[in-house]
Amino acid sequence: MAALAVPAAPARADSVIYKCVDSAGRVEFTDNRRGPHCKVLDVPGAMSSPQPARRPQAGPPRAAGASAAPAAPSDFPRVDGAEQRARDADRRAILDAELRIEQQKLNELRGEFNNGAPERRGDERNYAKYQDRVATLKDGISRSEKNVEALKREIANIR
């Protein structure tokens, strides 16, 4: 019965699933081994045994400020400064256009919303339909405001 409570998710080839039964008999399925009471499940598409934890290699200690990331290979493509500035300018232009469109949409929604009292349409003889449209307008305004803020943040992050 506990297996039915677990949502079906596609198994990845790099995932391991454990079945853990605690001392009270509660069953938990997880991707983290929580102790000796956890056993690896044989799930089609999943690994048959967990990957061993990587241990640091023996050798001289790293300097405190040394980076753990490997250096880029010498043949790794680089973009010169002028090309990057051109890409940034294109990105800014695209985001500015999206911002103008989103602000226009927001202004139209606010105009139709009319401070919470939009005009009733002929097809809204039923008050519930009118309330549904008002709620939809509120949601649209909220979403559009969030989009405008996100676009402004994104534009501010461009160098």
C-alpha atoms as a PDB file:
ATOM      1  CA  MET A   1       0.000   0.000   0.000  1.00  0.00           C
ATOM      2  CA  ALA A   2       2.934   2.340   0.671  1.00  0.00           C
ATOM      3  CA  ALA A   3       4.146   1.745  -2.869  1.00  0.00           C
ATOM      4  CA  LEU A   4       0.909   3.241  -4.188  1.00  0.00           C
ATOM      5  CA  ALA A   5       1.572   6.458  -2.286  1.00  0.00           C
ATOM      6  CA  VAL A   6       4.849   7.033  -4.119  1.00  0.00           C
ATOM      7  CA  PRO A   7       4.268   9.034  -7.311  1.00  0.00           C
ATOM      8  CA  ALA A   8       5.405   7.336 -10.461  1.00  0.00           C
ATOM      9  CA  ALA A   9       8.485   9.067 -11.815  1.00  0.00           C
ATOM     10  CA  PRO A  10      10.612   8.007 -14.731  1.00  0.00           C
ATOM     11  CA  ALA A  11      13.688   6.187 -13.499  1.00  0.00           C
ATOM     12  CA  ARG A  12      16.979   7.636 -14.668  1.00  0.00           C
ATOM     13  CA  ALA A  13      19.957   5.471 -15.378  1.00  0.00           C
ATOM     14  CA  ASP A  14      22.026   7.311 -12.759  1.00  0.00           C
ATOM     15  CA  SER A  15      19.517   7.108  -9.891  1.00  0.00           C
ATOM     16  CA  VAL A  16      19.349   4.644  -7.024  1.00  0.00           C
ATOM     17  CA  ILE A  17      16.191   4.099  -5.009  1.00  0.00           C
ATOM     18  CA  TYR A  18      16.266   2.858  -1.434  1.00  0.00           C
ATOM     19  CA  LYS A  19      13.497   1.254   0.575  1.00  0.00           C
ATOM     20  CA  CYS A  20      13.934   2.212   4.220  1.00  0.00           C
ATOM     21  CA  VAL A  21      11.944   0.511   6.998  1.00  0.00           C
ATOM     22  CA  ASP A  22      12.381   2.099  10.426  1.00  0.00           C
ATOM     23  CA  SER A  23      12.012   0.386  13.806  1.00  0.00           C
ATOM     24  CA  ALA A  24       8.299   1.303  13.916  1.00  0.00           C
ATOM     25  CA  GLY A  25       7.739  -0.463  10.590  1.00  0.00           C
ATOM     26  CA  ARG A  26       7.174   2.694   8.533  1.00  0.00           C
ATOM     27  CA  VAL A  27       8.311   2.355   4.930  1.00  0.00           C
ATOM     28  CA  GLU A  28       9.967   5.195   3.069  1.00  0.00           C
ATOM     29  CA  PHE A  29      11.263   5.274  -0.513  1.00  0.00           C
ATOM     30  CA  THR A  30      14.117   7.704  -1.099  1.00  0.00           C
ATOM     31  CA  ASP A  31      17.161   8.379  -3.234  1.00  0.00           C
ATOM     32  CA  ASN A  32      19.339   8.988  -0.153  1.00  0.00           C
ATOM     33  CA  ARG A  33      20.564   6.152   2.018  1.00  0.00           C
ATOM     34  CA  ARG A  34      19.445   7.029   5.547  1.00  0.00           C
ATOM     35  CA  GLY A  35      21.155   4.235   7.448  1.00  0.00           C
ATOM     36  CA  PRO A  36      21.610   0.466   7.676  1.00  0.00           C
ATOM     37  CA  HIS A  37      17.847  -0.073   7.558  1.00  0.00           C
ATOM     38  CA  CYS A  38      17.777   1.034   3.884  1.00  0.00           C
ATOM     39  CA  LYS A  39      18.074  -1.451   1.047  1.00  0.00           C
ATOM     40  CA  VAL A  40      18.612  -0.776  -2.639  1.00  0.00           C
ATOM     41  CA  LEU A  41      15.561  -1.568  -4.781  1.00  0.00           C
ATOM     42  CA  ASP A  42      15.907  -3.277  -8.128  1.00  0.00           C
ATOM     43  CA  VAL A  43      14.004  -0.839 -10.343  1.00  0.00           C
ATOM     44  CA  PRO A  44      14.106  -1.251 -14.136  1.00  0.00           C
ATOM     45  CA  GLY A  45      16.232   1.526 -15.594  1.00  0.00           C
ATOM     46  CA  ALA A  46      17.938   2.296 -12.266  1.00  0.00           C
ATOM     47  CA  MET A  47      21.456   1.313 -11.280  1.00  0.00           C
ATOM     48  CA  SER A  48      21.813  -2.054  -9.612  1.00  0.00           C
ATOM     49  CA  SER A  49      24.253  -0.814  -6.989  1.00  0.00           C
ATOM     50  CA  PRO A  50      25.028   2.623  -5.588  1.00  0.00           C
ATOM     51  CA  GLN A  51      28.042   4.585  -6.793  1.00  0.00           C
ATOM     52  CA  PRO A  52      30.840   4.654  -4.225  1.00  0.00           C
ATOM     53  CA  ALA A  53      31.542   8.053  -2.737  1.00  0.00           C
ATOM     54  CA  ARG A  54      34.498   9.798  -4.333  1.00  0.00           C
ATOM     55  CA  ARG A  55      37.374  10.348  -2.007  1.00  0.00           C
ATOM     56  CA  PRO A  56      39.922  13.087  -2.468  1.00  0.00           C
ATOM     57  CA  GLN A  57      43.118  11.928  -4.074  1.00  0.00           C
ATOM     58  CA  ALA A  58      46.221  11.843  -1.984  1.00  0.00           C
ATOM     59  CA  GLY A  59      48.658  14.573  -2.842  1.00  0.00           C
ATOM     60  CA  PRO A  60      49.754  18.014  -1.849  1.00  0.00           C
ATOM     61  CA  PRO A  61      47.071  20.096  -0.160  1.00  0.00           C
ATOM     62  CA  ARG A  62      45.473  22.793  -2.273  1.00  0.00           C
ATOM     63  CA  ALA A  63      45.916  26.443  -1.530  1.00  0.00           C
ATOM     64  CA  ALA A  64      43.006  28.066   0.312  1.00  0.00           C
ATOM     65  CA  GLY A  65      41.995  30.157  -2.712  1.00  0.00           C
ATOM     66  CA  ALA A  66      42.523  27.433  -5.331  1.00  0.00           C
ATOM     67  CA  SER A  67      39.575  26.634  -7.531  1.00  0.00           C
ATOM     68  CA  ALA A  68      38.214  23.087  -7.652  1.00  0.00           C
ATOM     69  CA  ALA A  69      37.023  23.539 -11.252  1.00  0.00           C
ATOM     70  CA  PRO A  70      39.432  22.335 -13.928  1.00  0.00           C
ATOM     71  CA  ALA A  71      40.844  24.893 -16.322  1.00  0.00           C
ATOM     72  CA  ALA A  72      39.219  25.135 -19.743  1.00  0.00           C
ATOM     73  CA  PRO A  73      41.045  23.225 -22.476  1.00  0.00           C
ATOM     74  CA  SER A  74      43.217  25.287 -24.783  1.00  0.00           C
ATOM     75  CA  ASP A  75      40.973  24.566 -27.786  1.00  0.00           C
ATOM     76  CA  PHE A  76      37.843  25.702 -25.904  1.00  0.00           C
ATOM     77  CA  PRO A  77      36.100  28.389 -27.985  1.00  0.00           C
ATOM     78  CA  ARG A  78      36.473  31.911 -26.646  1.00  0.00           C
ATOM     79  CA  VAL A  79      34.441  34.977 -27.498  1.00  0.00           C
ATOM     80  CA  ASP A  80      36.289  38.241 -27.845  1.00  0.00           C
ATOM     81  CA  GLY A  81      35.104  41.369 -26.027  1.00  0.00           C
ATOM     82  CA  ALA A  82      33.560  43.043 -29.093  1.00  0.00           C
ATOM     83  CA  GLU A  83      31.517  39.939 -29.935  1.00  0.00           C
ATOM     84  CA  GLN A  84      30.298  39.650 -26.338  1.00  0.00           C
ATOM     85  CA  ARG A  85      29.296  43.336 -26.274  1.00  0.00           C
ATOM     86  CA  ALA A  86      27.346  42.794 -29.524  1.00  0.00           C
ATOM     87  CA  ARG A  87      25.595  39.773 -28.005  1.00  0.00           C
ATOM     88  CA  ASP A  88      24.778  41.755 -24.865  1.00  0.00           C
ATOM     89  CA  ALA A  89      23.400  44.610 -26.983  1.00  0.00           C
ATOM     90  CA  ASP A  90      21.199  42.159 -28.919  1.00  0.00           C
ATOM     91  CA  ARG A  91      20.002  40.622 -25.673  1.00  0.00           C
ATOM     92  CA  ARG A  92      19.201  44.054 -24.239  1.00  0.00           C
ATOM     93  CA  ALA A  93      17.243  44.986 -27.385  1.00  0.00           C
ATOM     94  CA  ILE A  94      15.221  41.770 -27.223  1.00  0.00           C
ATOM     95  CA  LEU A  95      14.495  42.202 -23.519  1.00  0.00           C
ATOM     96  CA  ASP A  96      13.552  45.879 -24.016  1.00  0.00           C
ATOM     97  CA  ALA A  97      11.084  44.860 -26.743  1.00  0.00           C
ATOM     98  CA  GLU A  98       9.600  42.173 -24.500  1.00  0.00           C
ATOM     99  CA  LEU A  99       9.353  44.695 -21.654  1.00  0.00           C
ATOM    100  CA  ARG A 100       7.496  47.215 -23.849  1.00  0.00           C
ATOM    101  CA  ILE A 101       5.053  44.512 -24.999  1.00  0.00           C
ATOM    102  CA  GLU A 102       4.489  43.296 -21.430  1.00  0.00           C
ATOM    103  CA  GLN A 103       3.952  46.847 -20.121  1.00  0.00           C
ATOM    104  CA  GLN A 104       1.454  47.511 -22.909  1.00  0.00           C
ATOM    105  CA  LYS A 105      -0.380  44.306 -22.029  1.00  0.00           C
ATOM    106  CA  LEU A 106      -0.381  45.311 -18.346  1.00  0.00           C
ATOM    107  CA  ASN A 107      -1.824  48.740 -19.180  1.00  0.00           C
ATOM    108  CA  GLU A 108      -4.580  47.141 -21.286  1.00  0.00           C
ATOM    109  CA  LEU A 109      -5.464  44.694 -18.498  1.00  0.00           C
ATOM    110  CA  ARG A 110      -5.559  47.493 -15.925  1.00  0.00           C
ATOM    111  CA  GLY A 111      -7.766  49.568 -18.219  1.00  0.00           C
ATOM    112  CA  GLU A 112     -10.186  46.668 -18.682  1.00  0.00           C
ATOM    113  CA  PHE A 113     -10.086  45.880 -14.949  1.00  0.00           C
ATOM    114  CA  ASN A 114     -11.219  49.467 -14.239  1.00  0.00           C
ATOM    115  CA  ASN A 115     -10.088  49.501 -10.570  1.00  0.00           C
ATOM    116  CA  GLY A 116     -11.967  46.309  -9.769  1.00  0.00           C
ATOM    117  CA  ALA A 117     -15.208  47.208 -11.532  1.00  0.00           C
ATOM    118  CA  PRO A 118     -14.952  46.191 -15.197  1.00  0.00           C
ATOM    119  CA  GLU A 119     -17.969  46.806 -17.371  1.00  0.00           C
ATOM    120  CA  ARG A 120     -20.276  43.839 -17.759  1.00  0.00           C
ATOM    121  CA  ARG A 121     -20.514  42.285 -21.173  1.00  0.00           C
ATOM    122  CA  GLY A 122     -23.690  41.178 -22.862  1.00  0.00           C
ATOM    123  CA  ASP A 123     -22.799  37.513 -22.465  1.00  0.00           C
ATOM    124  CA  GLU A 124     -22.389  37.919 -18.685  1.00  0.00           C
ATOM    125  CA  ARG A 125     -26.014  37.865 -17.612  1.00  0.00           C
ATOM    126  CA  ASN A 126     -24.992  35.346 -15.004  1.00  0.00           C
ATOM    127  CA  TYR A 127     -23.063  37.124 -12.216  1.00  0.00           C
ATOM    128  CA  ALA A 128     -20.769  34.107 -11.753  1.00  0.00           C
ATOM    129  CA  LYS A 129     -19.441  34.578 -15.304  1.00  0.00           C
ATOM    130  CA  TYR A 130     -18.695  38.213 -14.490  1.00  0.00           C
ATOM    131  CA  GLN A 131     -16.861  37.203 -11.300  1.00  0.00           C
ATOM    132  CA  ASP A 132     -14.851  34.600 -13.225  1.00  0.00           C
ATOM    133  CA  ARG A 133     -13.761  37.257 -15.737  1.00  0.00           C
ATOM    134  CA  VAL A 134     -12.827  39.657 -12.903  1.00  0.00           C
ATOM    135  CA  ALA A 135     -10.745  36.907 -11.259  1.00  0.00           C
ATOM    136  CA  THR A 136      -9.087  36.124 -14.597  1.00  0.00           C
ATOM    137  CA  LEU A 137      -8.253  39.805 -15.041  1.00  0.00           C
ATOM    138  CA  LYS A 138      -6.750  39.955 -11.525  1.00  0.00           C
ATOM    139  CA  ASP A 139      -4.614  36.891 -12.264  1.00  0.00           C
ATOM    140  CA  GLY A 140      -3.523  38.346 -15.592  1.00  0.00           C
ATOM    141  CA  ILE A 141      -2.544  41.647 -13.981  1.00  0.00           C
ATOM    142  CA  SER A 142      -0.580  39.869 -11.265  1.00  0.00           C
ATOM    143  CA  ARG A 143       1.228  37.656 -13.769  1.00  0.00           C
ATOM    144  CA  SER A 144       1.974  40.611 -16.039  1.00  0.00           C
ATOM    145  CA  GLU A 145       3.350  42.652 -13.111  1.00  0.00           C
ATOM    146  CA  LYS A 146       5.636  39.757 -12.186  1.00  0.00           C
ATOM    147  CA  ASN A 147       6.793  39.471 -15.801  1.00  0.00           C
ATOM    148  CA  VAL A 148       7.591  43.193 -15.938  1.00  0.00           C
ATOM    149  CA  GLU A 149       9.618  42.956 -12.718  1.00  0.00           C
ATOM    150  CA  ALA A 150      11.479  39.873 -13.966  1.00  0.00           C
ATOM    151  CA  LEU A 151      12.312  41.575 -17.262  1.00  0.00           C
ATOM    152  CA  LYS A 152      13.559  44.668 -15.423  1.00  0.00           C
ATOM    153  CA  ARG A 153      15.785  42.477 -13.223  1.00  0.00           C
ATOM    154  CA  GLU A 154      17.106  40.647 -16.261  1.00  0.00           C
ATOM    155  CA  ILE A 155      17.899  43.926 -18.038  1.00  0.00           C
ATOM    156  CA  ALA A 156      19.653  45.214 -14.914  1.00  0.00           C
ATOM    157  CA  ASN A 157      21.876  42.096 -14.893  1.00  0.00           C
ATOM    158  CA  ILE A 158      23.227  42.779 -18.383  1.00  0.00           C
ATOM    159  CA  ARG A 159      26.728  44.181 -18.211  1.00  0.00           C
END
